[in-house]
Amino acid sequence: MRDGPRRLPVIALGALGALIALILGGIYIYRESGSTGVLVDQRGNGPGGETTEVFTANGAWDLRWSYDCSAATNGFQKEPQCDFLLTVKQMSDCQVSPQNQGISQHGVKDQGVVHYNTGGTFYFVVDSDGSWTITVTGPGRASGVGPWPHCSEG
């Protein structure tokens, strides 16, 4: 009888450890499969097309974008204006996504949110003379790398 009560704290501690492991494992699986998080958060500045990292959206996703050309100069205009062009490209064939339209804006600065309903693996090509910021949120995962060498513009 003396061994029984001594083992009780050890058994309880083991059960608590197993419960914590199950909870942490469940959080990891949930985060990978269906939770909403930031898939891309990138900034850029200056002329020329720049590619973003590749991300996979498991269903609907949101793109928050902004650009600001107030610091850019144009020798032909007194007012600094520029174009902000964002193209959504499919990683599978490096082509423009027919279901997920890009953004085309002209002016000094602007911002917005676009809701996309079609998932897949994508990256963006962004062209703007000014500074820009994009953030993609939704269920899925980020790759942390660009599309090169699979797609040549990366």
N, C-alpha and C. Protein backbone atom coordinates (compact mmCIF):
# COMPACT_ATOMS: atom_id res chain seq x y z
N MET A 1 0.80 -1.19 0.00
CA MET A 1 0.00 0.00 0.00
C MET A 1 0.85 1.27 0.00
N ARG A 2 2.04 1.19 0.52
CA ARG A 2 2.86 2.38 0.58
C ARG A 2 3.32 2.83 -0.81
N ASP A 3 3.49 1.92 -1.77
CA ASP A 3 3.95 2.30 -3.11
C ASP A 3 2.87 3.01 -3.90
N GLY A 4 1.61 2.71 -3.68
CA GLY A 4 0.50 3.31 -4.42
C GLY A 4 0.43 4.81 -4.28
N PRO A 5 0.35 5.36 -3.08
CA PRO A 5 0.26 6.82 -2.95
C PRO A 5 1.48 7.55 -3.47
N ARG A 6 2.65 6.93 -3.44
CA ARG A 6 3.85 7.58 -3.95
C ARG A 6 3.82 7.68 -5.47
N ARG A 7 3.23 6.73 -6.13
CA ARG A 7 3.19 6.73 -7.58
C ARG A 7 2.13 7.69 -8.13
N LEU A 8 1.18 8.06 -7.35
CA LEU A 8 0.10 8.94 -7.80
C LEU A 8 0.61 10.26 -8.38
N PRO A 9 1.51 10.99 -7.74
CA PRO A 9 2.02 12.23 -8.33
C PRO A 9 2.76 12.00 -9.66
N VAL A 10 3.46 10.89 -9.77
CA VAL A 10 4.20 10.58 -11.00
C VAL A 10 3.22 10.29 -12.14
N ILE A 11 2.18 9.55 -11.84
CA ILE A 11 1.16 9.24 -12.85
C ILE A 11 0.43 10.52 -13.28
N ALA A 12 0.10 11.35 -12.32
CA ALA A 12 -0.59 12.61 -12.63
C ALA A 12 0.30 13.52 -13.49
N LEU A 13 1.57 13.59 -13.17
CA LEU A 13 2.50 14.41 -13.94
C LEU A 13 2.64 13.87 -15.37
N GLY A 14 2.69 12.56 -15.52
CA GLY A 14 2.77 11.94 -16.85
C GLY A 14 1.52 12.23 -17.67
N ALA A 15 0.35 12.14 -17.02
CA ALA A 15 -0.91 12.42 -17.72
C ALA A 15 -0.98 13.88 -18.14
N LEU A 16 -0.52 14.79 -17.30
CA LEU A 16 -0.50 16.20 -17.63
C LEU A 16 0.43 16.46 -18.82
N GLY A 17 1.58 15.83 -18.84
CA GLY A 17 2.52 15.98 -19.96
C GLY A 17 1.92 15.47 -21.27
N ALA A 18 1.24 14.33 -21.20
CA ALA A 18 0.60 13.79 -22.40
C ALA A 18 -0.50 14.71 -22.90
N LEU A 19 -1.27 15.30 -22.00
CA LEU A 19 -2.34 16.23 -22.38
C LEU A 19 -1.76 17.47 -23.05
N ILE A 20 -0.70 18.00 -22.51
CA ILE A 20 -0.06 19.18 -23.11
C ILE A 20 0.46 18.84 -24.50
N ALA A 21 1.06 17.67 -24.69
CA ALA A 21 1.56 17.25 -26.00
C ALA A 21 0.42 17.13 -27.01
N LEU A 22 -0.71 16.59 -26.60
CA LEU A 22 -1.85 16.48 -27.50
C LEU A 22 -2.40 17.85 -27.90
N ILE A 23 -2.48 18.76 -26.94
CA ILE A 23 -2.97 20.10 -27.24
C ILE A 23 -2.04 20.81 -28.21
N LEU A 24 -0.74 20.77 -27.97
CA LEU A 24 0.21 21.43 -28.87
C LEU A 24 0.21 20.79 -30.25
N GLY A 25 0.09 19.48 -30.32
CA GLY A 25 0.01 18.80 -31.62
C GLY A 25 -1.24 19.20 -32.38
N GLY A 26 -2.35 19.32 -31.69
CA GLY A 26 -3.60 19.73 -32.33
C GLY A 26 -3.54 21.15 -32.84
N ILE A 27 -2.90 22.05 -32.10
CA ILE A 27 -2.74 23.44 -32.55
C ILE A 27 -1.90 23.48 -33.81
N TYR A 28 -0.83 22.71 -33.86
CA TYR A 28 0.04 22.71 -35.04
C TYR A 28 -0.72 22.20 -36.27
N ILE A 29 -1.46 21.12 -36.13
CA ILE A 29 -2.22 20.57 -37.25
C ILE A 29 -3.29 21.55 -37.69
N TYR A 30 -3.98 22.18 -36.75
CA TYR A 30 -5.01 23.16 -37.10
C TYR A 30 -4.40 24.34 -37.84
N ARG A 31 -3.26 24.83 -37.40
CA ARG A 31 -2.61 25.97 -38.01
C ARG A 31 -2.19 25.67 -39.44
N GLU A 32 -1.73 24.45 -39.70
CA GLU A 32 -1.31 24.06 -41.04
C GLU A 32 -2.48 23.86 -41.98
N SER A 33 -3.63 23.40 -41.47
CA SER A 33 -4.70 23.00 -42.37
C SER A 33 -5.79 24.03 -42.58
N GLY A 34 -6.11 24.84 -41.60
CA GLY A 34 -7.28 25.65 -41.83
C GLY A 34 -7.30 27.00 -41.16
N SER A 35 -6.32 27.36 -40.41
CA SER A 35 -6.39 28.65 -39.74
C SER A 35 -6.03 29.76 -40.71
N THR A 36 -6.45 30.96 -40.38
CA THR A 36 -6.16 32.12 -41.20
C THR A 36 -4.95 32.84 -40.63
N GLY A 37 -4.01 33.13 -41.48
CA GLY A 37 -2.81 33.82 -41.05
C GLY A 37 -2.25 34.67 -42.18
N VAL A 38 -1.13 35.32 -41.91
CA VAL A 38 -0.45 36.14 -42.91
C VAL A 38 0.40 35.21 -43.77
N LEU A 39 0.13 35.19 -45.06
CA LEU A 39 0.87 34.34 -45.99
C LEU A 39 1.99 35.11 -46.68
N VAL A 40 1.77 36.40 -46.93
CA VAL A 40 2.79 37.25 -47.56
C VAL A 40 2.69 38.63 -46.92
N ASP A 41 3.83 39.22 -46.61
CA ASP A 41 3.89 40.58 -46.09
C ASP A 41 5.16 41.19 -46.66
N GLN A 42 5.04 41.92 -47.77
CA GLN A 42 6.21 42.43 -48.47
C GLN A 42 6.05 43.90 -48.81
N ARG A 43 7.21 44.55 -48.95
CA ARG A 43 7.28 45.96 -49.32
C ARG A 43 8.30 46.10 -50.43
N GLY A 44 8.14 47.16 -51.21
CA GLY A 44 9.10 47.45 -52.27
C GLY A 44 9.12 48.92 -52.57
N ASN A 45 10.07 49.31 -53.41
CA ASN A 45 10.21 50.72 -53.75
C ASN A 45 10.97 50.82 -55.07
N GLY A 46 10.49 51.65 -55.95
CA GLY A 46 11.23 51.94 -57.15
C GLY A 46 10.70 51.26 -58.40
N PRO A 47 11.22 51.71 -59.53
CA PRO A 47 10.71 51.23 -60.81
C PRO A 47 11.11 49.78 -61.09
N GLY A 48 10.38 49.20 -62.01
CA GLY A 48 10.68 47.84 -62.45
C GLY A 48 9.79 46.83 -61.76
N GLY A 49 9.59 45.72 -62.41
CA GLY A 49 8.77 44.65 -61.84
C GLY A 49 9.52 43.89 -60.76
N GLU A 50 8.86 43.65 -59.66
CA GLU A 50 9.46 42.89 -58.57
C GLU A 50 8.52 41.73 -58.23
N THR A 51 9.08 40.55 -58.06
CA THR A 51 8.25 39.40 -57.71
C THR A 51 8.23 39.22 -56.20
N THR A 52 7.12 38.67 -55.72
CA THR A 52 6.98 38.38 -54.30
C THR A 52 7.25 36.90 -54.06
N GLU A 53 7.19 36.52 -52.81
CA GLU A 53 7.36 35.11 -52.50
C GLU A 53 6.11 34.33 -52.91
N VAL A 54 6.29 33.05 -53.07
CA VAL A 54 5.20 32.15 -53.46
C VAL A 54 4.40 31.80 -52.22
N PHE A 55 3.07 31.70 -52.37
CA PHE A 55 2.21 31.29 -51.26
C PHE A 55 1.13 30.37 -51.79
N THR A 56 0.60 29.54 -50.91
CA THR A 56 -0.50 28.65 -51.26
C THR A 56 -1.70 29.00 -50.40
N ALA A 57 -2.80 29.35 -51.04
CA ALA A 57 -4.05 29.67 -50.35
C ALA A 57 -4.97 28.46 -50.45
N ASN A 58 -5.45 28.00 -49.31
CA ASN A 58 -6.37 26.86 -49.26
C ASN A 58 -7.81 27.38 -49.26
N GLY A 59 -8.22 28.02 -50.33
CA GLY A 59 -9.56 28.59 -50.41
C GLY A 59 -9.49 30.10 -50.53
N ALA A 60 -10.51 30.78 -50.02
CA ALA A 60 -10.60 32.24 -50.14
C ALA A 60 -9.45 32.92 -49.39
N TRP A 61 -8.99 34.06 -49.94
CA TRP A 61 -7.90 34.83 -49.33
C TRP A 61 -8.08 36.31 -49.64
N ASP A 62 -7.41 37.14 -48.86
CA ASP A 62 -7.51 38.59 -48.99
C ASP A 62 -6.15 39.20 -49.30
N LEU A 63 -6.16 40.22 -50.14
CA LEU A 63 -4.96 40.98 -50.47
C LEU A 63 -5.17 42.42 -50.04
N ARG A 64 -4.37 42.89 -49.09
CA ARG A 64 -4.36 44.30 -48.69
C ARG A 64 -3.17 44.94 -49.40
N TRP A 65 -3.43 46.04 -50.08
CA TRP A 65 -2.37 46.68 -50.85
C TRP A 65 -2.39 48.18 -50.63
N SER A 66 -1.24 48.78 -50.81
CA SER A 66 -1.14 50.24 -50.77
C SER A 66 0.10 50.65 -51.58
N TYR A 67 0.05 51.86 -52.10
CA TYR A 67 1.21 52.42 -52.76
C TYR A 67 1.23 53.93 -52.53
N ASP A 68 2.43 54.51 -52.62
CA ASP A 68 2.60 55.94 -52.38
C ASP A 68 3.71 56.46 -53.29
N CYS A 69 3.34 57.34 -54.19
CA CYS A 69 4.31 57.92 -55.13
C CYS A 69 4.60 59.37 -54.81
N SER A 70 4.20 59.84 -53.64
CA SER A 70 4.39 61.26 -53.32
C SER A 70 5.87 61.64 -53.27
N ALA A 71 6.75 60.71 -53.02
CA ALA A 71 8.18 61.01 -53.00
C ALA A 71 8.82 60.81 -54.37
N ALA A 72 8.11 60.16 -55.31
CA ALA A 72 8.64 59.93 -56.65
C ALA A 72 8.58 61.21 -57.46
N THR A 73 9.53 61.39 -58.37
CA THR A 73 9.53 62.58 -59.22
C THR A 73 9.41 62.15 -60.68
N ASN A 74 8.72 62.96 -61.41
CA ASN A 74 8.53 62.73 -62.83
C ASN A 74 8.86 64.05 -63.52
N GLY A 75 9.81 64.06 -64.43
CA GLY A 75 10.26 65.29 -65.08
C GLY A 75 9.21 65.96 -65.94
N PHE A 76 8.14 65.26 -66.31
CA PHE A 76 7.12 65.81 -67.19
C PHE A 76 5.92 66.37 -66.44
N GLN A 77 5.77 66.05 -65.18
CA GLN A 77 4.60 66.48 -64.43
C GLN A 77 5.04 67.22 -63.18
N LYS A 78 4.27 68.21 -62.78
CA LYS A 78 4.54 68.89 -61.53
C LYS A 78 4.10 68.05 -60.35
N GLU A 79 3.05 67.29 -60.54
CA GLU A 79 2.53 66.42 -59.49
C GLU A 79 3.12 65.04 -59.61
N PRO A 80 3.64 64.48 -58.54
CA PRO A 80 4.18 63.12 -58.64
C PRO A 80 3.03 62.11 -58.74
N GLN A 81 2.93 61.46 -59.86
CA GLN A 81 1.94 60.41 -60.06
C GLN A 81 2.63 59.21 -60.67
N CYS A 82 2.06 58.06 -60.45
CA CYS A 82 2.64 56.87 -61.04
C CYS A 82 1.56 55.80 -61.19
N ASP A 83 1.95 54.72 -61.80
CA ASP A 83 1.08 53.56 -61.93
C ASP A 83 1.47 52.53 -60.88
N PHE A 84 0.48 51.84 -60.36
CA PHE A 84 0.69 50.71 -59.47
C PHE A 84 0.03 49.52 -60.15
N LEU A 85 0.84 48.58 -60.57
CA LEU A 85 0.35 47.40 -61.28
C LEU A 85 0.74 46.15 -60.50
N LEU A 86 -0.23 45.34 -60.17
CA LEU A 86 0.02 44.09 -59.47
C LEU A 86 -0.63 42.97 -60.28
N THR A 87 0.15 41.99 -60.67
CA THR A 87 -0.33 40.86 -61.46
C THR A 87 -0.27 39.61 -60.60
N VAL A 88 -1.38 38.87 -60.54
CA VAL A 88 -1.44 37.60 -59.82
C VAL A 88 -1.05 36.50 -60.80
N LYS A 89 0.01 35.75 -60.47
CA LYS A 89 0.48 34.68 -61.35
C LYS A 89 0.35 33.33 -60.66
N GLN A 90 0.01 32.32 -61.45
CA GLN A 90 -0.10 30.95 -60.96
C GLN A 90 1.28 30.31 -60.98
N MET A 91 1.66 29.64 -59.93
CA MET A 91 2.95 28.99 -59.88
C MET A 91 2.99 27.78 -60.81
N SER A 92 1.85 27.16 -61.08
CA SER A 92 1.83 25.93 -61.89
C SER A 92 2.36 26.15 -63.30
N ASP A 93 1.99 27.28 -63.93
CA ASP A 93 2.42 27.53 -65.30
C ASP A 93 3.02 28.92 -65.52
N CYS A 94 3.22 29.68 -64.45
CA CYS A 94 3.83 31.01 -64.50
C CYS A 94 3.00 32.01 -65.31
N GLN A 95 1.72 31.72 -65.49
CA GLN A 95 0.84 32.57 -66.27
C GLN A 95 -0.07 33.39 -65.35
N VAL A 96 -0.68 34.43 -65.90
CA VAL A 96 -1.62 35.27 -65.16
C VAL A 96 -2.80 34.41 -64.74
N SER A 97 -3.22 34.56 -63.50
CA SER A 97 -4.35 33.80 -62.97
C SER A 97 -5.65 34.32 -63.58
N PRO A 98 -6.40 33.47 -64.31
CA PRO A 98 -7.66 33.95 -64.90
C PRO A 98 -8.76 34.18 -63.86
N GLN A 99 -8.72 33.50 -62.72
CA GLN A 99 -9.75 33.66 -61.70
C GLN A 99 -9.45 34.79 -60.73
N ASN A 100 -8.20 35.17 -60.58
CA ASN A 100 -7.80 36.17 -59.59
C ASN A 100 -7.18 37.36 -60.31
N GLN A 101 -8.01 38.37 -60.55
CA GLN A 101 -7.57 39.55 -61.29
C GLN A 101 -6.61 40.40 -60.45
N GLY A 102 -5.69 41.05 -61.12
CA GLY A 102 -4.72 41.91 -60.46
C GLY A 102 -5.27 43.30 -60.21
N ILE A 103 -4.36 44.24 -59.95
CA ILE A 103 -4.73 45.61 -59.62
C ILE A 103 -4.00 46.55 -60.57
N SER A 104 -4.71 47.57 -61.06
CA SER A 104 -4.13 48.58 -61.92
C SER A 104 -4.65 49.94 -61.45
N GLN A 105 -3.76 50.75 -60.88
CA GLN A 105 -4.14 52.05 -60.34
C GLN A 105 -3.19 53.12 -60.87
N HIS A 106 -3.69 54.36 -60.97
CA HIS A 106 -2.88 55.49 -61.37
C HIS A 106 -3.18 56.65 -60.43
N GLY A 107 -2.13 57.28 -59.93
CA GLY A 107 -2.32 58.41 -59.03
C GLY A 107 -1.15 58.57 -58.10
N VAL A 108 -1.32 59.44 -57.12
CA VAL A 108 -0.25 59.71 -56.16
C VAL A 108 -0.15 58.60 -55.13
N LYS A 109 -1.30 58.20 -54.55
CA LYS A 109 -1.30 57.08 -53.62
C LYS A 109 -2.71 56.55 -53.45
N ASP A 110 -2.79 55.30 -53.02
CA ASP A 110 -4.08 54.66 -52.81
C ASP A 110 -3.86 53.39 -52.00
N GLN A 111 -4.95 52.80 -51.58
CA GLN A 111 -4.90 51.55 -50.83
C GLN A 111 -6.23 50.84 -50.98
N GLY A 112 -6.25 49.54 -50.67
CA GLY A 112 -7.49 48.80 -50.76
C GLY A 112 -7.33 47.37 -50.31
N VAL A 113 -8.44 46.65 -50.36
CA VAL A 113 -8.48 45.23 -50.02
C VAL A 113 -9.25 44.53 -51.13
N VAL A 114 -8.70 43.43 -51.62
CA VAL A 114 -9.36 42.62 -52.63
C VAL A 114 -9.61 41.24 -52.03
N HIS A 115 -10.82 40.74 -52.18
CA HIS A 115 -11.18 39.41 -51.68
C HIS A 115 -11.20 38.44 -52.86
N TYR A 116 -10.39 37.40 -52.76
CA TYR A 116 -10.34 36.38 -53.81
C TYR A 116 -10.99 35.11 -53.28
N ASN A 117 -11.72 34.41 -54.14
CA ASN A 117 -12.42 33.19 -53.73
C ASN A 117 -11.76 31.91 -54.22
N THR A 118 -10.78 32.02 -55.11
CA THR A 118 -10.15 30.84 -55.68
C THR A 118 -8.76 30.64 -55.09
N GLY A 119 -8.56 29.50 -54.47
CA GLY A 119 -7.27 29.16 -53.90
C GLY A 119 -6.31 28.62 -54.94
N GLY A 120 -5.11 28.34 -54.50
CA GLY A 120 -4.07 27.79 -55.36
C GLY A 120 -2.72 28.29 -54.89
N THR A 121 -1.70 28.06 -55.71
CA THR A 121 -0.34 28.51 -55.40
C THR A 121 0.00 29.66 -56.34
N PHE A 122 0.32 30.81 -55.77
CA PHE A 122 0.47 32.05 -56.53
C PHE A 122 1.72 32.82 -56.08
N TYR A 123 2.04 33.83 -56.89
CA TYR A 123 2.99 34.88 -56.53
C TYR A 123 2.54 36.12 -57.28
N PHE A 124 3.10 37.28 -56.93
CA PHE A 124 2.74 38.54 -57.57
C PHE A 124 3.94 39.12 -58.30
N VAL A 125 3.65 39.85 -59.36
CA VAL A 125 4.64 40.73 -59.98
C VAL A 125 4.10 42.14 -59.77
N VAL A 126 4.89 42.98 -59.09
CA VAL A 126 4.47 44.34 -58.74
C VAL A 126 5.36 45.33 -59.48
N ASP A 127 4.73 46.33 -60.10
CA ASP A 127 5.45 47.37 -60.81
C ASP A 127 4.91 48.73 -60.36
N SER A 128 5.76 49.55 -59.78
CA SER A 128 5.36 50.87 -59.31
C SER A 128 6.61 51.73 -59.15
N ASP A 129 6.49 53.04 -59.47
CA ASP A 129 7.62 53.94 -59.27
C ASP A 129 7.78 54.34 -57.81
N GLY A 130 6.74 54.22 -57.05
CA GLY A 130 6.78 54.62 -55.64
C GLY A 130 6.95 53.42 -54.72
N SER A 131 6.70 53.66 -53.45
CA SER A 131 6.78 52.58 -52.46
C SER A 131 5.44 51.85 -52.41
N TRP A 132 5.49 50.57 -52.08
CA TRP A 132 4.28 49.76 -52.03
C TRP A 132 4.38 48.73 -50.91
N THR A 133 3.21 48.28 -50.47
CA THR A 133 3.11 47.26 -49.43
C THR A 133 1.97 46.33 -49.81
N ILE A 134 2.19 45.03 -49.65
CA ILE A 134 1.12 44.06 -49.86
C ILE A 134 1.13 43.05 -48.72
N THR A 135 -0.06 42.64 -48.31
CA THR A 135 -0.22 41.62 -47.28
C THR A 135 -1.32 40.67 -47.73
N VAL A 136 -1.02 39.38 -47.74
CA VAL A 136 -2.00 38.35 -48.08
C VAL A 136 -2.35 37.59 -46.80
N THR A 137 -3.65 37.48 -46.52
CA THR A 137 -4.11 36.71 -45.38
C THR A 137 -5.12 35.67 -45.83
N GLY A 138 -5.15 34.57 -45.12
CA GLY A 138 -6.08 33.50 -45.42
C GLY A 138 -5.53 32.17 -44.95
N PRO A 139 -6.28 31.11 -45.14
CA PRO A 139 -5.78 29.79 -44.77
C PRO A 139 -4.78 29.30 -45.82
N GLY A 140 -3.68 28.76 -45.38
CA GLY A 140 -2.69 28.25 -46.31
C GLY A 140 -1.30 28.29 -45.71
N ARG A 141 -0.31 28.43 -46.59
CA ARG A 141 1.07 28.47 -46.11
C ARG A 141 1.92 29.34 -47.03
N ALA A 142 2.94 29.92 -46.46
CA ALA A 142 3.88 30.75 -47.21
C ALA A 142 5.13 29.92 -47.49
N SER A 143 5.77 30.21 -48.61
CA SER A 143 6.98 29.45 -48.95
C SER A 143 8.24 30.15 -48.45
N GLY A 144 8.20 31.48 -48.40
CA GLY A 144 9.39 32.23 -48.00
C GLY A 144 10.39 32.41 -49.13
N VAL A 145 10.09 31.89 -50.33
CA VAL A 145 10.99 32.02 -51.47
C VAL A 145 10.20 32.49 -52.68
N GLY A 146 10.90 33.06 -53.64
CA GLY A 146 10.28 33.52 -54.88
C GLY A 146 10.10 32.39 -55.87
N PRO A 147 9.57 32.71 -57.05
CA PRO A 147 9.25 31.69 -58.03
C PRO A 147 10.43 31.17 -58.86
N TRP A 148 11.58 31.85 -58.82
CA TRP A 148 12.71 31.42 -59.61
C TRP A 148 13.31 30.16 -59.02
N PRO A 149 13.75 29.18 -59.76
CA PRO A 149 13.98 29.14 -61.20
C PRO A 149 12.80 28.61 -62.01
N HIS A 150 11.72 28.19 -61.34
CA HIS A 150 10.57 27.64 -62.07
C HIS A 150 9.97 28.67 -63.01
N CYS A 151 9.83 29.90 -62.55
CA CYS A 151 9.30 30.98 -63.37
C CYS A 151 10.41 32.01 -63.57
N SER A 152 10.66 32.40 -64.79
CA SER A 152 11.87 33.18 -65.12
C SER A 152 11.86 34.61 -64.60
N GLU A 153 10.67 35.23 -64.38
CA GLU A 153 10.70 36.62 -63.94
C GLU A 153 11.06 36.74 -62.47
N GLY A 154 11.24 35.65 -61.77
CA GLY A 154 11.59 35.67 -60.35
C GLY A 154 13.03 35.85 -60.15
